């Protein structure tokens, strides 16, 4: 199997993993089913430029992922220079990585959630939710794709979670792009994102939202709504570790 390699100088190649030979290519649209390798030091701008180059194709392929939003809504923002440095917003690199959640139930009808997360990582390894960061401010930040997968085990009746296992894995390009596009376009437009951010800030300042969401997650597990429980878990992780850094 060949892997697609994104170089920090902007080149893309197909790597034969048996012979280690590389072949330069000019587009990524024919390699979506390839495992992905990001060269160390590559920035988000260099990687995402390959997506923007083929935006019409990705607007169609990821129409449902982007909830009928399109990359065209973000072109003007993408063309702007960054207005913040890495030090300004506290994110020292962007990380994409696979998560494996195993929820163990009393009736042995267990549930597994496998997903790819896309987060900003701070100097102390705290998580930052990047859905509220303008695309132009993501440009200079290094992008890292982890080849590690962590398996977390949750026992429903005990409501306890533990790291069960870690191992190496790979991420296909279509998985990686889908996750990034989902996070970055979740609010449809830059204006929609700003509106949602201010609503979140207001809710956080006026309510005990962490306690409320923790209770909702437990209730979701009890009624076996595991997809909602997994989403609530993601939100709680980011709330506890720097959900918004304005």
C-alpha atoms as a PDB file:
ATOM      1  CA  UNK A   1       0.000   0.000   0.000  1.00  0.00           C
ATOM      2  CA  UNK A   2       1.217   3.500  -0.828  1.00  0.00           C
ATOM      3  CA  UNK A   3       1.084   6.416   1.606  1.00  0.00           C
ATOM      4  CA  UNK A   4       0.607  10.060   0.686  1.00  0.00           C
ATOM      5  CA  UNK A   5       3.298  12.333   2.080  1.00  0.00           C
ATOM      6  CA  UNK A   6       2.803  16.069   2.639  1.00  0.00           C
ATOM      7  CA  UNK A   7       6.135  17.895   2.619  1.00  0.00           C
ATOM      8  CA  UNK A   8       6.714  21.127   4.497  1.00  0.00           C
ATOM      9  CA  UNK A   9       7.938  22.747   1.249  1.00  0.00           C
ATOM     10  CA  UNK A  10       4.479  22.192  -0.289  1.00  0.00           C
ATOM     11  CA  UNK A  11       5.277  19.108  -2.365  1.00  0.00           C
ATOM     12  CA  UNK A  12       3.138  15.961  -2.187  1.00  0.00           C
ATOM     13  CA  UNK A  13       4.402  12.483  -2.986  1.00  0.00           C
ATOM     14  CA  UNK A  14       3.235   8.887  -2.974  1.00  0.00           C
ATOM     15  CA  UNK A  15       5.513   6.677  -0.897  1.00  0.00           C
ATOM     16  CA  UNK A  16       5.897   2.976  -1.684  1.00  0.00           C
ATOM     17  CA  UNK A  17       6.230   1.632   1.830  1.00  0.00           C
ATOM     18  CA  UNK A  18       7.962  -1.533   0.650  1.00  0.00           C
ATOM     19  CA  UNK A  19      10.672   0.051  -1.527  1.00  0.00           C
ATOM     20  CA  UNK A  20      10.652   3.523   0.100  1.00  0.00           C
ATOM     21  CA  UNK A  21      10.541   5.068  -3.374  1.00  0.00           C
ATOM     22  CA  UNK A  22       8.620   8.352  -3.732  1.00  0.00           C
ATOM     23  CA  UNK A  23       6.680   9.678  -6.706  1.00  0.00           C
ATOM     24  CA  UNK A  24       5.713  13.347  -6.954  1.00  0.00           C
ATOM     25  CA  UNK A  25       2.034  14.067  -7.583  1.00  0.00           C
ATOM     26  CA  UNK A  26       0.146  17.288  -8.333  1.00  0.00           C
ATOM     27  CA  UNK A  27      -3.211  16.641  -6.686  1.00  0.00           C
ATOM     28  CA  UNK A  28      -4.521  14.834  -3.635  1.00  0.00           C
ATOM     29  CA  UNK A  29      -7.955  13.929  -4.982  1.00  0.00           C
ATOM     30  CA  UNK A  30      -6.866  10.510  -6.316  1.00  0.00           C
ATOM     31  CA  UNK A  31      -5.150   9.499  -3.067  1.00  0.00           C
ATOM     32  CA  UNK A  32      -7.934   9.829  -0.492  1.00  0.00           C
ATOM     33  CA  UNK A  33      -7.743   6.123   0.353  1.00  0.00           C
ATOM     34  CA  UNK A  34      -4.017   6.315   1.217  1.00  0.00           C
ATOM     35  CA  UNK A  35      -2.534   6.421   4.728  1.00  0.00           C
ATOM     36  CA  UNK A  36      -1.287   9.940   5.454  1.00  0.00           C
ATOM     37  CA  UNK A  37       2.161  11.122   6.505  1.00  0.00           C
ATOM     38  CA  UNK A  38       2.853  14.745   7.461  1.00  0.00           C
ATOM     39  CA  UNK A  39       6.484  15.809   7.355  1.00  0.00           C
ATOM     40  CA  UNK A  40       7.683  17.205  10.660  1.00  0.00           C
ATOM     41  CA  UNK A  41       7.433  20.994  10.688  1.00  0.00           C
ATOM     42  CA  UNK A  42       4.633  21.297   8.136  1.00  0.00           C
ATOM     43  CA  UNK A  43       2.262  24.180   8.879  1.00  0.00           C
ATOM     44  CA  UNK A  44      -1.505  24.132   8.671  1.00  0.00           C
ATOM     45  CA  UNK A  45      -1.282  26.628   5.789  1.00  0.00           C
ATOM     46  CA  UNK A  46       0.860  24.284   3.685  1.00  0.00           C
ATOM     47  CA  UNK A  47      -1.432  21.305   4.280  1.00  0.00           C
ATOM     48  CA  UNK A  48      -4.759  23.096   3.917  1.00  0.00           C
ATOM     49  CA  UNK A  49      -3.641  24.850   0.717  1.00  0.00           C
ATOM     50  CA  UNK A  50      -3.892  21.480  -1.050  1.00  0.00           C
ATOM     51  CA  UNK A  51      -7.537  21.263   0.036  1.00  0.00           C
ATOM     52  CA  UNK A  52      -8.348  24.820  -1.023  1.00  0.00           C
ATOM     53  CA  UNK A  53      -6.731  24.151  -4.406  1.00  0.00           C
ATOM     54  CA  UNK A  54      -9.382  21.458  -5.036  1.00  0.00           C
ATOM     55  CA  UNK A  55     -12.215  23.158  -3.133  1.00  0.00           C
ATOM     56  CA  UNK A  56     -14.923  22.436  -5.717  1.00  0.00           C
ATOM     57  CA  UNK A  57     -14.200  18.711  -5.480  1.00  0.00           C
ATOM     58  CA  UNK A  58     -14.217  18.731  -1.665  1.00  0.00           C
ATOM     59  CA  UNK A  59     -17.359  20.878  -1.532  1.00  0.00           C
ATOM     60  CA  UNK A  60     -19.111  17.999  -3.286  1.00  0.00           C
ATOM     61  CA  UNK A  61     -17.462  15.026  -1.565  1.00  0.00           C
ATOM     62  CA  UNK A  62     -17.855  16.450   1.950  1.00  0.00           C
ATOM     63  CA  UNK A  63     -21.213  18.161   1.464  1.00  0.00           C
ATOM     64  CA  UNK A  64     -22.873  16.235   4.304  1.00  0.00           C
ATOM     65  CA  UNK A  65     -19.793  16.479   6.545  1.00  0.00           C
ATOM     66  CA  UNK A  66     -19.898  20.265   6.228  1.00  0.00           C
ATOM     67  CA  UNK A  67     -23.706  20.355   6.736  1.00  0.00           C
ATOM     68  CA  UNK A  68     -24.202  21.974   3.336  1.00  0.00           C
ATOM     69  CA  UNK A  69     -21.640  24.680   4.096  1.00  0.00           C
ATOM     70  CA  UNK A  70     -18.841  25.099   1.547  1.00  0.00           C
ATOM     71  CA  UNK A  71     -15.206  26.136   1.518  1.00  0.00           C
ATOM     72  CA  UNK A  72     -16.282  29.111  -0.608  1.00  0.00           C
ATOM     73  CA  UNK A  73     -17.714  30.661   2.577  1.00  0.00           C
ATOM     74  CA  UNK A  74     -14.190  30.828   4.013  1.00  0.00           C
ATOM     75  CA  UNK A  75     -12.133  31.973   0.993  1.00  0.00           C
ATOM     76  CA  UNK A  76     -11.926  35.642   2.000  1.00  0.00           C
ATOM     77  CA  UNK A  77     -10.851  34.708   5.523  1.00  0.00           C
ATOM     78  CA  UNK A  78      -8.299  32.200   4.225  1.00  0.00           C
ATOM     79  CA  UNK A  79      -6.667  34.839   2.021  1.00  0.00           C
ATOM     80  CA  UNK A  80      -6.040  37.142   5.000  1.00  0.00           C
ATOM     81  CA  UNK A  81      -2.646  37.143   6.758  1.00  0.00           C
ATOM     82  CA  UNK A  82      -2.593  35.879  10.349  1.00  0.00           C
ATOM     83  CA  UNK A  83      -3.517  38.486  12.959  1.00  0.00           C
ATOM     84  CA  UNK A  84      -2.187  36.458  15.894  1.00  0.00           C
ATOM     85  CA  UNK A  85       1.094  34.722  16.559  1.00  0.00           C
ATOM     86  CA  UNK A  86       1.361  31.260  18.076  1.00  0.00           C
ATOM     87  CA  UNK A  87       2.183  32.894  21.413  1.00  0.00           C
ATOM     88  CA  UNK A  88      -0.934  35.089  21.253  1.00  0.00           C
ATOM     89  CA  UNK A  89      -3.489  32.268  21.300  1.00  0.00           C
ATOM     90  CA  UNK A  90      -1.490  29.682  23.247  1.00  0.00           C
ATOM     91  CA  UNK A  91      -1.693  26.863  20.679  1.00  0.00           C
ATOM     92  CA  UNK A  92       1.821  25.612  19.923  1.00  0.00           C
ATOM     93  CA  UNK A  93       0.703  22.943  17.450  1.00  0.00           C
ATOM     94  CA  UNK A  94      -2.405  21.370  15.947  1.00  0.00           C
ATOM     95  CA  UNK A  95      -2.857  17.655  16.520  1.00  0.00           C
ATOM     96  CA  UNK A  96      -5.004  15.091  14.734  1.00  0.00           C
ATOM     97  CA  UNK A  97      -5.252  11.677  16.346  1.00  0.00           C
ATOM     98  CA  UNK A  98      -7.449   8.599  16.585  1.00  0.00           C
ATOM     99  CA  UNK A  99      -9.477   7.871  19.706  1.00  0.00           C
ATOM    100  CA  UNK A 100     -11.075   4.547  20.561  1.00  0.00           C
ATOM    101  CA  UNK A 101     -13.783   4.644  23.261  1.00  0.00           C
ATOM    102  CA  UNK A 102     -14.944   1.288  24.620  1.00  0.00           C
ATOM    103  CA  UNK A 103     -18.041   1.499  26.847  1.00  0.00           C
ATOM    104  CA  UNK A 104     -18.609  -1.678  28.846  1.00  0.00           C
ATOM    105  CA  UNK A 105     -22.225  -2.340  29.841  1.00  0.00           C
ATOM    106  CA  UNK A 106     -23.856  -4.630  32.359  1.00  0.00           C
ATOM    107  CA  UNK A 107     -25.807  -6.522  29.664  1.00  0.00           C
ATOM    108  CA  UNK A 108     -22.606  -7.109  27.651  1.00  0.00           C
ATOM    109  CA  UNK A 109     -24.081  -5.184  24.729  1.00  0.00           C
ATOM    110  CA  UNK A 110     -20.953  -3.023  24.677  1.00  0.00           C
ATOM    111  CA  UNK A 111     -20.445   0.057  22.503  1.00  0.00           C
ATOM    112  CA  UNK A 112     -17.344   1.214  20.611  1.00  0.00           C
ATOM    113  CA  UNK A 113     -16.774   4.742  19.261  1.00  0.00           C
ATOM    114  CA  UNK A 114     -13.785   5.234  16.942  1.00  0.00           C
ATOM    115  CA  UNK A 115     -13.121   8.786  15.794  1.00  0.00           C
ATOM    116  CA  UNK A 116     -10.404  11.226  14.777  1.00  0.00           C
ATOM    117  CA  UNK A 117     -10.026  14.344  16.898  1.00  0.00           C
ATOM    118  CA  UNK A 118      -8.533  17.661  15.783  1.00  0.00           C
ATOM    119  CA  UNK A 119      -7.338  19.928  18.581  1.00  0.00           C
ATOM    120  CA  UNK A 120      -4.997  22.744  19.407  1.00  0.00           C
ATOM    121  CA  UNK A 121      -2.351  21.734  21.929  1.00  0.00           C
ATOM    122  CA  UNK A 122      -0.932  24.182  24.480  1.00  0.00           C
ATOM    123  CA  UNK A 123       2.506  24.327  26.037  1.00  0.00           C
ATOM    124  CA  UNK A 124       1.321  22.202  28.971  1.00  0.00           C
ATOM    125  CA  UNK A 125      -0.501  19.724  26.682  1.00  0.00           C
ATOM    126  CA  UNK A 126      -3.881  21.337  27.415  1.00  0.00           C
ATOM    127  CA  UNK A 127      -6.531  21.038  24.699  1.00  0.00           C
ATOM    128  CA  UNK A 128      -7.930  23.997  22.789  1.00  0.00           C
ATOM    129  CA  UNK A 129     -11.029  23.758  20.630  1.00  0.00           C
ATOM    130  CA  UNK A 130     -10.038  25.117  17.197  1.00  0.00           C
ATOM    131  CA  UNK A 131     -13.583  25.484  15.865  1.00  0.00           C
ATOM    132  CA  UNK A 132     -13.557  29.101  17.052  1.00  0.00           C
ATOM    133  CA  UNK A 133     -10.176  30.050  15.528  1.00  0.00           C
ATOM    134  CA  UNK A 134     -10.292  31.941  12.182  1.00  0.00           C
ATOM    135  CA  UNK A 135      -8.646  30.023   9.348  1.00  0.00           C
ATOM    136  CA  UNK A 136      -6.056  32.735   8.722  1.00  0.00           C
ATOM    137  CA  UNK A 137      -4.861  32.468  12.327  1.00  0.00           C
ATOM    138  CA  UNK A 138      -4.373  28.714  11.953  1.00  0.00           C
ATOM    139  CA  UNK A 139      -1.971  29.200   9.023  1.00  0.00           C
ATOM    140  CA  UNK A 140       1.401  29.462  10.848  1.00  0.00           C
ATOM    141  CA  UNK A 141       0.693  26.707  13.384  1.00  0.00           C
ATOM    142  CA  UNK A 142       2.495  23.368  12.893  1.00  0.00           C
ATOM    143  CA  UNK A 143       0.196  20.444  12.080  1.00  0.00           C
ATOM    144  CA  UNK A 144       0.915  17.010  13.560  1.00  0.00           C
ATOM    145  CA  UNK A 145      -0.735  13.698  12.708  1.00  0.00           C
ATOM    146  CA  UNK A 146      -0.207  11.157  15.483  1.00  0.00           C
ATOM    147  CA  UNK A 147       0.266   7.497  14.570  1.00  0.00           C
ATOM    148  CA  UNK A 148      -0.764   6.474  18.090  1.00  0.00           C
ATOM    149  CA  UNK A 149      -4.257   5.391  19.058  1.00  0.00           C
ATOM    150  CA  UNK A 150      -5.448   5.421  22.641  1.00  0.00           C
ATOM    151  CA  UNK A 151      -8.183   3.006  23.725  1.00  0.00           C
ATOM    152  CA  UNK A 152     -10.259   4.217  26.672  1.00  0.00           C
ATOM    153  CA  UNK A 153     -12.484   1.867  28.662  1.00  0.00           C
ATOM    154  CA  UNK A 154     -15.559   3.149  30.469  1.00  0.00           C
ATOM    155  CA  UNK A 155     -17.550   0.903  32.812  1.00  0.00           C
ATOM    156  CA  UNK A 156     -21.109   2.246  32.735  1.00  0.00           C
ATOM    157  CA  UNK A 157     -22.283   1.131  36.182  1.00  0.00           C
ATOM    158  CA  UNK A 158     -19.104   2.448  37.839  1.00  0.00           C
ATOM    159  CA  UNK A 159     -18.934   5.567  35.636  1.00  0.00           C
ATOM    160  CA  UNK A 160     -15.165   5.292  35.619  1.00  0.00           C
ATOM    161  CA  UNK A 161     -12.817   5.700  32.696  1.00  0.00           C
ATOM    162  CA  UNK A 162      -9.299   4.396  32.238  1.00  0.00           C
ATOM    163  CA  UNK A 163      -6.663   4.208  29.550  1.00  0.00           C
ATOM    164  CA  UNK A 164      -6.971   0.592  28.473  1.00  0.00           C
ATOM    165  CA  UNK A 165      -4.420   0.295  25.670  1.00  0.00           C
ATOM    166  CA  UNK A 166      -2.232   2.290  23.278  1.00  0.00           C
ATOM    167  CA  UNK A 167      -0.875   1.228  19.902  1.00  0.00           C
ATOM    168  CA  UNK A 168       0.275   2.380  16.485  1.00  0.00           C
ATOM    169  CA  UNK A 169      -2.192   2.969  13.667  1.00  0.00           C
ATOM    170  CA  UNK A 170      -2.596   5.037  10.501  1.00  0.00           C
ATOM    171  CA  UNK A 171      -5.120   7.564   9.242  1.00  0.00           C
ATOM    172  CA  UNK A 172      -6.476   7.573   5.709  1.00  0.00           C
ATOM    173  CA  UNK A 173      -6.472  10.930   3.964  1.00  0.00           C
ATOM    174  CA  UNK A 174     -10.244  11.021   3.527  1.00  0.00           C
ATOM    175  CA  UNK A 175     -10.667  10.481   7.292  1.00  0.00           C
ATOM    176  CA  UNK A 176      -8.228  13.276   8.107  1.00  0.00           C
ATOM    177  CA  UNK A 177      -9.746  15.801   5.710  1.00  0.00           C
ATOM    178  CA  UNK A 178     -13.286  14.933   6.808  1.00  0.00           C
ATOM    179  CA  UNK A 179     -12.471  15.578  10.463  1.00  0.00           C
ATOM    180  CA  UNK A 180     -10.746  18.893   9.759  1.00  0.00           C
ATOM    181  CA  UNK A 181     -13.532  20.143   7.470  1.00  0.00           C
ATOM    182  CA  UNK A 182     -16.204  19.144   9.985  1.00  0.00           C
ATOM    183  CA  UNK A 183     -14.526  21.103  12.788  1.00  0.00           C
ATOM    184  CA  UNK A 184     -13.703  24.195  10.730  1.00  0.00           C
ATOM    185  CA  UNK A 185     -17.095  24.550   9.009  1.00  0.00           C
ATOM    186  CA  UNK A 186     -19.381  23.476  11.853  1.00  0.00           C
ATOM    187  CA  UNK A 187     -20.768  27.032  12.189  1.00  0.00           C
ATOM    188  CA  UNK A 188     -21.298  27.426   8.407  1.00  0.00           C
ATOM    189  CA  UNK A 189     -19.541  30.813   7.981  1.00  0.00           C
ATOM    190  CA  UNK A 190     -16.982  32.992   9.815  1.00  0.00           C
ATOM    191  CA  UNK A 191     -19.865  35.217  10.952  1.00  0.00           C
ATOM    192  CA  UNK A 192     -21.762  32.189  12.281  1.00  0.00           C
ATOM    193  CA  UNK A 193     -18.648  31.049  14.125  1.00  0.00           C
ATOM    194  CA  UNK A 194     -18.248  34.413  15.869  1.00  0.00           C
ATOM    195  CA  UNK A 195     -21.902  34.401  16.888  1.00  0.00           C
ATOM    196  CA  UNK A 196     -21.609  30.872  18.303  1.00  0.00           C
ATOM    197  CA  UNK A 197     -18.423  31.784  20.181  1.00  0.00           C
ATOM    198  CA  UNK A 198     -20.061  34.694  21.958  1.00  0.00           C
ATOM    199  CA  UNK A 199     -23.010  32.485  22.916  1.00  0.00           C
ATOM    200  CA  UNK A 200     -20.633  29.900  24.414  1.00  0.00           C
ATOM    201  CA  UNK A 201     -18.765  32.571  26.364  1.00  0.00           C
ATOM    202  CA  UNK A 202     -22.063  33.862  27.778  1.00  0.00           C
ATOM    203  CA  UNK A 203     -23.225  30.355  28.747  1.00  0.00           C
ATOM    204  CA  UNK A 204     -19.912  29.531  30.426  1.00  0.00           C
ATOM    205  CA  UNK A 205     -19.939  32.753  32.439  1.00  0.00           C
ATOM    206  CA  UNK A 206     -23.543  32.414  33.582  1.00  0.00           C
ATOM    207  CA  UNK A 207     -23.974  28.684  34.236  1.00  0.00           C
ATOM    208  CA  UNK A 208     -22.254  25.681  35.771  1.00  0.00           C
ATOM    209  CA  UNK A 209     -22.111  24.067  32.344  1.00  0.00           C
ATOM    210  CA  UNK A 210     -19.456  21.454  33.142  1.00  0.00           C
ATOM    211  CA  UNK A 211     -21.580  19.907  35.885  1.00  0.00           C
ATOM    212  CA  UNK A 212     -24.638  20.019  33.637  1.00  0.00           C
ATOM    213  CA  UNK A 213     -22.862  18.323  30.735  1.00  0.00           C
ATOM    214  CA  UNK A 214     -21.336  15.678  33.000  1.00  0.00           C
ATOM    215  CA  UNK A 215     -24.845  14.793  34.198  1.00  0.00           C
ATOM    216  CA  UNK A 216     -26.123  14.696  30.601  1.00  0.00           C
ATOM    217  CA  UNK A 217     -23.266  12.379  29.603  1.00  0.00           C
ATOM    218  CA  UNK A 218     -24.083   9.970  32.448  1.00  0.00           C
ATOM    219  CA  UNK A 219     -27.761  10.031  31.496  1.00  0.00           C
ATOM    220  CA  UNK A 220     -26.898   9.373  27.839  1.00  0.00           C
ATOM    221  CA  UNK A 221     -24.882   6.293  28.835  1.00  0.00           C
ATOM    222  CA  UNK A 222     -27.713   5.028  31.059  1.00  0.00           C
ATOM    223  CA  UNK A 223     -30.230   5.198  28.222  1.00  0.00           C
ATOM    224  CA  UNK A 224     -27.648   3.743  25.803  1.00  0.00           C
ATOM    225  CA  UNK A 225     -27.411   6.894  23.643  1.00  0.00           C
ATOM    226  CA  UNK A 226     -23.711   6.302  23.145  1.00  0.00           C
ATOM    227  CA  UNK A 227     -23.131   8.640  20.215  1.00  0.00           C
ATOM    228  CA  UNK A 228     -24.401  11.574  22.298  1.00  0.00           C
ATOM    229  CA  UNK A 229     -22.306  10.404  25.261  1.00  0.00           C
ATOM    230  CA  UNK A 230     -19.165  10.351  23.108  1.00  0.00           C
ATOM    231  CA  UNK A 231     -19.849  13.872  21.819  1.00  0.00           C
ATOM    232  CA  UNK A 232     -20.494  15.173  25.330  1.00  0.00           C
ATOM    233  CA  UNK A 233     -17.234  13.604  26.460  1.00  0.00           C
ATOM    234  CA  UNK A 234     -15.344  15.534  23.767  1.00  0.00           C
ATOM    235  CA  UNK A 235     -16.978  18.816  24.790  1.00  0.00           C
ATOM    236  CA  UNK A 236     -16.188  18.224  28.464  1.00  0.00           C
ATOM    237  CA  UNK A 237     -12.524  17.512  27.731  1.00  0.00           C
ATOM    238  CA  UNK A 238     -12.141  20.842  25.984  1.00  0.00           C
ATOM    239  CA  UNK A 239     -14.129  22.790  28.558  1.00  0.00           C
ATOM    240  CA  UNK A 240     -11.831  21.499  31.288  1.00  0.00           C
ATOM    241  CA  UNK A 241      -8.643  22.262  29.373  1.00  0.00           C
ATOM    242  CA  UNK A 242      -9.141  25.611  27.675  1.00  0.00           C
ATOM    243  CA  UNK A 243     -12.225  25.449  25.463  1.00  0.00           C
ATOM    244  CA  UNK A 244     -11.946  29.086  24.483  1.00  0.00           C
ATOM    245  CA  UNK A 245      -8.824  31.205  24.528  1.00  0.00           C
ATOM    246  CA  UNK A 246      -9.864  34.598  23.227  1.00  0.00           C
END
